[in-house]
Amino acid sequence: MQLAEHRYAFLFTFAFKLLVVPTMRQRNKSDKLLVWVPEHGWIFHHTSESTYLEVLRLIGGERLSKVALEISHLPVFTKEPYLQFAKYMKSIGHGWFVNTIGGTSNKYLQLNTINDKLHLGLKVKLVPEEILNHMEAQNLKNQGVNIDLGEKRTRKLDDTLLVDFDGQTFDLKHRNGREVFVKLIESIGARDVSKLNLTNGSEDLVTSMQVYSNQLPCGDFWVSVPNSTKGKHKIILTIKAMLKLDLTITTLSKEERRDRQLEKLKSEMGELMKKMADMNSDEIK
């Protein structure tokens, strides 16, 4: 227990250092999955998909199939890979496959749903990649976190596009911006948007069936996602005007985005440390 508490303290201390010393890293990075699995410890890989898959393998397909998660009306966990999602079907052992379509935010939500339904005692967190350069990642690894360092990648720095709608914030410059855009369309109402007959370049924005290979599923519909942030911005403005939506669009500089991420991290690490203190208190009782 002391070792686990030390890990929390390390994460929180490092997050605080980033908040008060903002002159080091300037790259705008995305969140990564960090998962605590009882009897196995922390699971963390260079890609969130690898972390997600390892956790699923530890849980097992038989138990996962009882959760009844679905994508496009098809079970997420299956023994028969779906041809239409062939490139997203990944093995999780013992003849079971998972449909991995969707980004990190989807996987985060799925793991939390699985945890709630099966009462597994998982702790699923999204940690900004910004705090994990090679040195910090190695430090975590030395403290017992199961971590795959992988190769570092450089990303372009530019502004952020945030959309606030129906009590939710959609980060369209996130690494999984395509999936976030689809979630926004789903929240607005894919059926309503389809009636606007909007286009994304030469493609229809929303169709009732998959017409283009690059479309993503959105409930009973399929969405063609603009490649550029500017394209997403333009379409959202059009939808807002045509449907008369109470929707707010905000752009943030890379520095403003970084500050928001670090404030969020500080809050999350504080919550984790409080939970760990509560666990220690329960054990003493």
Protein backbone atom coordinates (compact mmCIF):
# COMPACT_ATOMS: atom_id res chain seq x y z
CA MET A 1 0.00 0.00 0.00
CA GLN A 2 2.85 2.41 0.79
CA LEU A 3 4.33 1.78 -2.67
CA ALA A 4 0.99 2.52 -4.35
CA GLU A 5 0.62 5.70 -2.31
CA HIS A 6 4.13 6.74 -3.34
CA ARG A 7 3.13 6.37 -6.99
CA TYR A 8 0.19 8.73 -6.48
CA ALA A 9 2.44 11.20 -4.70
CA PHE A 10 4.94 11.08 -7.56
CA LEU A 11 2.29 11.82 -10.18
CA PHE A 12 0.79 14.67 -8.15
CA THR A 13 4.17 16.23 -7.33
CA PHE A 14 5.26 16.15 -10.95
CA ALA A 15 1.94 17.65 -12.10
CA PHE A 16 2.38 20.49 -9.59
CA LYS A 17 5.91 21.14 -10.85
CA LEU A 18 4.54 21.51 -14.36
CA LEU A 19 1.96 24.00 -13.14
CA VAL A 20 4.47 26.29 -11.42
CA VAL A 21 7.33 25.91 -13.92
CA PRO A 22 5.62 26.41 -17.33
CA THR A 23 8.79 27.07 -19.31
CA MET A 24 9.82 23.56 -20.32
CA ARG A 25 7.78 21.49 -22.78
CA GLN A 26 5.57 23.37 -25.23
CA ARG A 27 4.18 20.53 -27.32
CA ASN A 28 0.42 20.07 -27.38
CA LYS A 29 -0.12 16.38 -26.72
CA SER A 30 -3.12 14.17 -26.08
CA ASP A 31 -4.29 12.05 -23.20
CA LYS A 32 -3.23 8.47 -22.56
CA LEU A 33 -5.01 5.71 -20.67
CA LEU A 34 -3.61 4.74 -17.28
CA VAL A 35 -5.42 1.82 -15.63
CA TRP A 36 -5.07 0.24 -12.18
CA VAL A 37 -6.02 -3.45 -12.20
CA PRO A 38 -6.25 -5.22 -8.81
CA GLU A 39 -3.53 -7.87 -8.40
CA HIS A 40 -1.79 -6.60 -11.54
CA GLY A 41 -1.03 -2.97 -10.69
CA TRP A 42 -0.85 -0.07 -13.11
CA ILE A 43 -1.11 -0.78 -16.84
CA PHE A 44 0.28 1.87 -19.20
CA HIS A 45 1.52 1.51 -22.78
CA HIS A 46 2.77 3.96 -25.38
CA THR A 47 -0.61 3.74 -27.16
CA SER A 48 -3.94 3.81 -25.37
CA GLU A 49 -5.14 0.96 -27.56
CA SER A 50 -2.36 -1.29 -26.27
CA THR A 51 -3.27 -0.40 -22.67
CA TYR A 52 -6.95 -1.04 -23.44
CA LEU A 53 -6.23 -4.43 -25.02
CA GLU A 54 -4.03 -5.62 -22.16
CA VAL A 55 -6.72 -4.74 -19.62
CA LEU A 56 -9.36 -6.57 -21.68
CA ARG A 57 -7.14 -9.67 -21.90
CA LEU A 58 -6.74 -9.65 -18.13
CA ILE A 59 -10.53 -9.49 -17.69
CA GLY A 60 -11.31 -12.15 -20.31
CA GLY A 61 -13.81 -12.32 -23.17
CA GLU A 62 -16.38 -14.45 -21.32
CA ARG A 63 -16.82 -11.86 -18.57
CA LEU A 64 -16.66 -8.94 -21.00
CA SER A 65 -19.44 -10.38 -23.17
CA LYS A 66 -21.83 -10.00 -20.21
CA VAL A 67 -21.51 -6.21 -20.33
CA ALA A 68 -23.37 -6.03 -23.67
CA LEU A 69 -21.55 -3.05 -25.16
CA GLU A 70 -22.49 -2.37 -28.80
CA ILE A 71 -21.21 -0.40 -31.78
CA SER A 72 -23.56 -0.01 -34.75
CA HIS A 73 -25.92 -2.53 -33.09
CA LEU A 74 -23.17 -5.17 -32.98
CA PRO A 75 -21.59 -6.50 -29.75
CA VAL A 76 -18.18 -4.97 -29.04
CA PHE A 77 -16.92 -8.39 -27.84
CA THR A 78 -17.47 -11.31 -30.17
CA LYS A 79 -16.09 -14.67 -31.28
CA GLU A 80 -16.89 -13.87 -34.91
CA PRO A 81 -14.91 -10.89 -36.31
CA TYR A 82 -17.03 -8.45 -38.34
CA LEU A 83 -15.94 -8.02 -41.95
CA GLN A 84 -17.12 -4.40 -42.09
CA PHE A 85 -14.83 -3.59 -39.15
CA ALA A 86 -12.03 -5.94 -40.16
CA LYS A 87 -9.15 -3.52 -39.51
CA TYR A 88 -10.49 -2.74 -36.03
CA MET A 89 -10.99 -6.31 -34.83
CA LYS A 90 -8.29 -7.31 -32.32
CA SER A 91 -7.82 -10.59 -30.45
CA ILE A 92 -8.12 -10.58 -26.65
CA GLY A 93 -7.45 -14.29 -26.25
CA HIS A 94 -9.35 -17.58 -26.02
CA GLY A 95 -11.15 -17.00 -29.32
CA TRP A 96 -12.56 -13.61 -28.37
CA PHE A 97 -12.23 -10.40 -30.39
CA VAL A 98 -12.96 -6.74 -29.63
CA ASN A 99 -14.04 -4.04 -32.07
CA THR A 100 -11.55 -1.24 -31.29
CA ILE A 101 -13.08 1.44 -33.53
CA GLY A 102 -13.11 4.81 -31.80
CA GLY A 103 -10.51 6.84 -29.97
CA THR A 104 -9.09 7.00 -26.48
CA SER A 105 -12.17 8.73 -25.08
CA ASN A 106 -14.34 5.82 -26.27
CA LYS A 107 -12.02 3.28 -24.70
CA TYR A 108 -11.98 5.28 -21.46
CA LEU A 109 -15.79 5.26 -21.32
CA GLN A 110 -15.97 1.55 -22.20
CA LEU A 111 -13.51 0.58 -19.46
CA ASN A 112 -15.47 2.58 -16.91
CA THR A 113 -18.72 0.92 -18.02
CA ILE A 114 -17.10 -2.52 -17.81
CA ASN A 115 -15.76 -1.71 -14.36
CA ASP A 116 -19.17 -0.54 -13.13
CA LYS A 117 -21.02 -3.56 -14.53
CA LEU A 118 -18.55 -6.22 -13.38
CA HIS A 119 -17.43 -4.54 -10.13
CA LEU A 120 -13.75 -5.06 -10.96
CA GLY A 121 -12.22 -2.34 -8.80
CA LEU A 122 -10.40 -0.74 -11.75
CA LYS A 123 -9.16 2.84 -11.62
CA VAL A 124 -9.29 4.28 -15.13
CA LYS A 125 -7.60 7.63 -15.72
CA LEU A 126 -6.74 9.85 -18.68
CA VAL A 127 -3.28 11.37 -18.16
CA PRO A 128 -1.97 14.13 -20.47
CA GLU A 129 0.86 12.76 -22.56
CA GLU A 130 2.59 16.05 -21.83
CA ILE A 131 3.74 14.82 -18.42
CA LEU A 132 5.32 11.66 -19.76
CA ASN A 133 8.51 12.36 -21.67
CA HIS A 134 11.09 9.60 -21.59
CA MET A 135 12.56 10.60 -18.22
CA GLU A 136 9.23 10.77 -16.35
CA ALA A 137 8.00 7.56 -17.99
CA GLN A 138 11.17 5.76 -16.92
CA ASN A 139 10.67 7.05 -13.36
CA LEU A 140 7.14 5.62 -13.34
CA LYS A 141 8.44 2.33 -14.68
CA ASN A 142 11.05 2.17 -11.92
CA GLN A 143 8.27 2.58 -9.37
CA GLY A 144 6.45 -0.51 -10.60
CA VAL A 145 4.10 0.87 -13.24
CA ASN A 146 3.75 -1.59 -16.14
CA ILE A 147 4.74 0.81 -18.92
CA ASP A 148 5.80 0.50 -22.56
CA LEU A 149 7.83 3.61 -23.42
CA GLY A 150 7.60 3.22 -27.20
CA GLU A 151 8.89 5.86 -29.59
CA LYS A 152 8.32 9.57 -29.10
CA ARG A 153 6.50 11.47 -31.84
CA THR A 154 6.42 15.16 -32.68
CA ARG A 155 3.12 16.91 -33.32
CA LYS A 156 2.36 20.25 -34.86
CA LEU A 157 1.48 23.11 -32.52
CA ASP A 158 -1.64 25.06 -33.40
CA ASP A 159 -4.84 26.37 -31.89
CA THR A 160 -7.54 24.32 -30.23
CA LEU A 161 -11.20 24.18 -31.19
CA LEU A 162 -13.63 23.54 -28.33
CA VAL A 163 -17.40 23.23 -28.69
CA ASP A 164 -19.72 23.48 -25.67
CA PHE A 165 -23.14 21.94 -26.23
CA ASP A 166 -25.79 20.39 -24.01
CA GLY A 167 -23.56 20.46 -20.93
CA GLN A 168 -20.60 18.80 -22.67
CA THR A 169 -17.30 20.08 -24.05
CA PHE A 170 -16.06 18.61 -27.32
CA ASP A 171 -12.32 19.03 -28.01
CA LEU A 172 -12.03 18.91 -31.80
CA LYS A 173 -8.25 19.39 -31.86
CA HIS A 174 -7.76 16.35 -29.65
CA ARG A 175 -5.77 13.49 -31.11
CA ASN A 176 -9.11 11.70 -31.52
CA GLY A 177 -10.80 14.72 -33.07
CA ARG A 178 -12.57 12.63 -35.72
CA GLU A 179 -14.35 10.55 -33.09
CA VAL A 180 -15.09 13.68 -31.03
CA PHE A 181 -16.67 15.33 -34.10
CA VAL A 182 -18.92 12.29 -34.54
CA LYS A 183 -19.91 12.42 -30.86
CA LEU A 184 -20.86 16.07 -31.33
CA ILE A 185 -23.04 15.22 -34.34
CA GLU A 186 -24.62 12.40 -32.32
CA SER A 187 -25.31 14.79 -29.43
CA ILE A 188 -26.90 17.35 -31.77
CA GLY A 189 -28.89 14.59 -33.49
CA ALA A 190 -27.55 12.81 -36.56
CA ARG A 191 -31.05 12.54 -38.03
CA ASP A 192 -31.61 16.30 -37.73
CA VAL A 193 -28.20 17.03 -39.25
CA SER A 194 -28.83 14.60 -42.14
CA LYS A 195 -31.95 16.59 -43.10
CA LEU A 196 -29.79 19.68 -43.70
CA ASN A 197 -28.16 17.94 -46.72
CA LEU A 198 -24.74 19.36 -45.89
CA THR A 199 -21.60 18.19 -47.65
CA ASN A 200 -17.99 17.65 -46.64
CA GLY A 201 -16.19 18.49 -49.85
CA SER A 202 -17.67 16.16 -52.47
CA GLU A 203 -19.16 13.81 -49.85
CA ASP A 204 -22.48 13.99 -48.03
CA LEU A 205 -21.84 14.89 -44.40
CA VAL A 206 -24.33 12.38 -42.94
CA THR A 207 -25.74 9.28 -44.67
CA SER A 208 -28.09 6.52 -43.53
CA MET A 209 -25.60 3.82 -44.62
CA GLN A 210 -21.86 3.65 -45.21
CA VAL A 211 -21.16 5.19 -48.60
CA TYR A 212 -17.53 6.29 -48.21
CA SER A 213 -14.69 4.20 -46.81
CA ASN A 214 -13.54 6.97 -44.45
CA GLN A 215 -16.92 7.44 -42.74
CA LEU A 216 -17.39 6.77 -39.02
CA PRO A 217 -20.54 5.26 -37.46
CA CYS A 218 -22.88 7.59 -35.58
CA GLY A 219 -25.79 5.64 -34.12
CA ASP A 220 -27.93 4.58 -37.10
CA PHE A 221 -26.05 6.95 -39.42
CA TRP A 222 -22.58 7.44 -40.89
CA VAL A 223 -20.58 10.66 -40.81
CA SER A 224 -17.94 11.98 -43.20
CA VAL A 225 -15.54 13.92 -40.97
CA PRO A 226 -13.66 16.99 -42.31
CA ASN A 227 -9.90 16.49 -42.21
CA SER A 228 -9.00 20.01 -41.11
CA THR A 229 -9.96 21.92 -37.99
CA LYS A 230 -11.03 24.78 -40.25
CA GLY A 231 -13.38 22.41 -42.10
CA LYS A 232 -14.90 21.16 -38.84
CA HIS A 233 -15.31 24.75 -37.63
CA LYS A 234 -17.11 25.82 -40.81
CA ILE A 235 -19.57 22.91 -40.73
CA ILE A 236 -20.34 23.36 -37.02
CA LEU A 237 -21.06 27.06 -37.59
CA THR A 238 -23.43 26.10 -40.42
CA ILE A 239 -25.23 23.49 -38.31
CA LYS A 240 -25.52 25.96 -35.42
CA ALA A 241 -27.12 28.59 -37.66
CA MET A 242 -29.48 26.24 -39.51
CA LEU A 243 -30.72 24.41 -36.40
CA LYS A 244 -30.60 27.53 -34.19
CA LEU A 245 -28.56 25.71 -31.53
CA ASP A 246 -27.39 27.05 -28.19
CA LEU A 247 -23.82 26.07 -28.98
CA THR A 248 -20.57 27.86 -28.11
CA ILE A 249 -17.37 27.59 -30.13
CA THR A 250 -14.07 28.54 -28.48
CA THR A 251 -10.55 28.62 -29.86
CA LEU A 252 -7.57 28.35 -27.50
CA SER A 253 -3.90 29.00 -28.10
CA LYS A 254 -1.51 26.17 -27.30
CA GLU A 255 -0.54 27.92 -24.05
CA GLU A 256 -4.16 28.30 -22.91
CA ARG A 257 -4.87 24.69 -23.76
CA ARG A 258 -1.81 23.57 -21.81
CA ASP A 259 -2.92 25.52 -18.74
CA ARG A 260 -6.36 23.90 -18.87
CA GLN A 261 -4.88 20.43 -19.18
CA LEU A 262 -2.56 20.94 -16.25
CA GLU A 263 -5.32 22.32 -14.03
CA LYS A 264 -7.39 19.26 -14.90
CA LEU A 265 -4.45 16.99 -14.13
CA LYS A 266 -3.85 18.67 -10.77
CA SER A 267 -7.51 18.12 -9.86
CA GLU A 268 -7.47 14.46 -10.96
CA MET A 269 -4.26 13.68 -9.12
CA GLY A 270 -5.73 15.29 -6.00
CA GLU A 271 -8.78 13.05 -6.30
CA LEU A 272 -6.58 9.97 -6.71
CA MET A 273 -4.56 10.81 -3.61
CA LYS A 274 -7.76 11.35 -1.60
CA LYS A 275 -9.07 7.95 -2.72
CA MET A 276 -5.81 6.31 -1.73
CA ALA A 277 -5.99 7.99 1.69
CA ASP A 278 -9.56 6.73 2.08
CA MET A 279 -8.42 3.19 1.17
CA ASN A 280 -5.66 3.34 3.76
CA SER A 281 -8.14 4.58 6.36
CA ASP A 282 -10.52 1.69 5.58
CA GLU A 283 -7.70 -0.86 5.94
CA ILE A 284 -6.76 0.54 9.35
CA LYS A 285 -10.35 0.17 10.51
